[in-house]
């Protein structure tokens, strides 16, 4: 909100507050985008091994986390999102995406033969 003494506060991005359903769906959409990006990074790392695999996975995870944190900060600062609904939608889809990514990586590690 911008506060002007002669006119009062002016909202930056929206005039009306978002409904709980809209906030929930917005959080869920951000969580799904994070999960899909994780699956793409896991697929890209599938052919790599050793240090390259760790670098791709950890670098991709750090980049995704920073992007989600930035989007969440911008939404909370400049929109009228309902925080509880938004965080619930984001949290549920975020955890589901992480579990899917771990299963994909574990399946990849069990499919690669070990050298004796």
Protein backbone atom coordinates (compact mmCIF):
# COMPACT_ATOMS: atom_id res chain seq x y z
CA UNK A 1 0.00 0.00 0.00
CA UNK A 2 1.18 3.45 -0.84
CA UNK A 3 0.07 6.11 1.61
CA UNK A 4 -0.63 9.60 0.30
CA UNK A 5 -1.71 12.18 2.93
CA UNK A 6 -4.15 13.93 0.60
CA UNK A 7 -5.85 10.77 -0.75
CA UNK A 8 -5.17 8.04 1.79
CA UNK A 9 -3.68 4.59 1.13
CA UNK A 10 -3.66 3.28 -2.45
CA UNK A 11 -3.25 -0.46 -3.08
CA UNK A 12 -0.50 -1.30 -5.55
CA UNK A 13 -1.72 -4.44 -7.34
CA UNK A 14 -5.33 -5.02 -6.46
CA UNK A 15 -8.33 -3.11 -5.23
CA UNK A 16 -10.19 -5.99 -3.58
CA UNK A 17 -8.69 -8.70 -1.37
CA UNK A 18 -8.34 -12.14 -2.91
CA UNK A 19 -10.75 -14.83 -1.81
CA UNK A 20 -9.50 -17.85 0.11
CA UNK A 21 -10.00 -20.12 -2.91
CA UNK A 22 -8.05 -17.80 -5.19
CA UNK A 23 -5.21 -17.60 -2.67
CA UNK A 24 -5.22 -21.39 -2.27
CA UNK A 25 -5.12 -21.95 -6.03
CA UNK A 26 -2.36 -19.37 -6.45
CA UNK A 27 -0.25 -21.12 -3.81
CA UNK A 28 -0.97 -24.50 -5.36
CA UNK A 29 0.01 -23.22 -8.81
CA UNK A 30 3.33 -21.98 -7.45
CA UNK A 31 3.92 -25.32 -5.73
CA UNK A 32 3.11 -27.25 -8.92
CA UNK A 33 5.49 -25.03 -10.91
CA UNK A 34 8.20 -25.74 -8.34
CA UNK A 35 7.52 -29.48 -8.51
CA UNK A 36 7.56 -29.56 -12.30
CA UNK A 37 10.84 -27.65 -12.36
CA UNK A 38 12.25 -30.22 -9.92
CA UNK A 39 11.18 -33.11 -12.13
CA UNK A 40 12.76 -31.42 -15.17
CA UNK A 41 16.02 -30.93 -13.28
CA UNK A 42 15.95 -34.55 -12.08
CA UNK A 43 15.49 -35.73 -15.67
CA UNK A 44 18.35 -33.51 -16.83
CA UNK A 45 20.58 -34.97 -14.14
CA UNK A 46 19.60 -38.53 -15.04
CA UNK A 47 22.55 -39.05 -17.40
CA UNK A 48 25.09 -37.50 -15.04
CA UNK A 49 27.03 -39.28 -12.34
CA UNK A 50 29.08 -38.38 -9.30
CA UNK A 51 29.99 -34.74 -8.80
CA UNK A 52 28.07 -33.57 -11.86
CA UNK A 53 24.87 -35.17 -10.55
CA UNK A 54 25.28 -33.52 -7.15
CA UNK A 55 26.03 -30.15 -8.72
CA UNK A 56 23.01 -30.27 -11.01
CA UNK A 57 20.62 -31.42 -8.27
CA UNK A 58 21.87 -29.06 -5.55
CA UNK A 59 22.25 -26.10 -7.89
CA UNK A 60 18.80 -26.65 -9.35
CA UNK A 61 17.27 -27.00 -5.90
CA UNK A 62 18.93 -23.80 -4.66
CA UNK A 63 17.78 -21.90 -7.75
CA UNK A 64 14.21 -23.16 -7.40
CA UNK A 65 14.11 -22.30 -3.69
CA UNK A 66 15.33 -18.75 -4.34
CA UNK A 67 12.77 -18.29 -7.12
CA UNK A 68 9.89 -19.53 -4.92
CA UNK A 69 11.05 -17.35 -2.02
CA UNK A 70 11.20 -14.31 -4.31
CA UNK A 71 7.73 -14.92 -5.75
CA UNK A 72 6.26 -15.51 -2.29
CA UNK A 73 7.87 -12.32 -0.96
CA UNK A 74 6.56 -10.28 -3.89
CA UNK A 75 3.06 -11.71 -3.55
CA UNK A 76 2.94 -11.09 0.19
CA UNK A 77 4.27 -7.56 -0.15
CA UNK A 78 2.33 -6.33 -3.16
CA UNK A 79 -0.92 -8.27 -3.33
CA UNK A 80 -3.87 -8.95 -1.09
CA UNK A 81 -3.37 -12.71 -0.91
CA UNK A 82 -4.84 -14.48 2.13
CA UNK A 83 -1.74 -15.84 3.80
CA UNK A 84 -3.12 -19.00 5.44
CA UNK A 85 -4.82 -20.25 2.26
CA UNK A 86 -1.84 -19.35 0.09
CA UNK A 87 0.68 -21.11 2.35
CA UNK A 88 -1.57 -24.17 2.63
CA UNK A 89 -1.84 -24.56 -1.15
CA UNK A 90 1.87 -23.91 -1.61
CA UNK A 91 2.91 -26.22 1.21
CA UNK A 92 0.87 -29.23 0.11
CA UNK A 93 1.93 -29.10 -3.54
CA UNK A 94 5.51 -28.22 -2.57
CA UNK A 95 5.84 -31.36 -0.42
CA UNK A 96 4.18 -33.56 -3.06
CA UNK A 97 6.63 -32.23 -5.67
CA UNK A 98 9.62 -32.91 -3.41
CA UNK A 99 8.43 -36.46 -2.73
CA UNK A 100 7.99 -37.08 -6.47
CA UNK A 101 11.48 -35.72 -7.14
CA UNK A 102 13.03 -37.94 -4.45
CA UNK A 103 11.27 -41.02 -5.83
CA UNK A 104 12.48 -40.18 -9.33
CA UNK A 105 16.07 -39.77 -8.11
CA UNK A 106 15.93 -42.96 -6.04
CA UNK A 107 14.58 -44.88 -9.00
CA UNK A 108 17.45 -43.50 -11.07
CA UNK A 109 20.06 -44.47 -8.47
CA UNK A 110 18.71 -48.03 -8.13
CA UNK A 111 18.65 -48.45 -11.93
CA UNK A 112 22.33 -47.57 -12.36
CA UNK A 113 24.60 -50.59 -11.90
CA UNK A 114 27.30 -50.38 -9.26
CA UNK A 115 30.88 -51.21 -10.08
CA UNK A 116 32.67 -53.86 -8.09
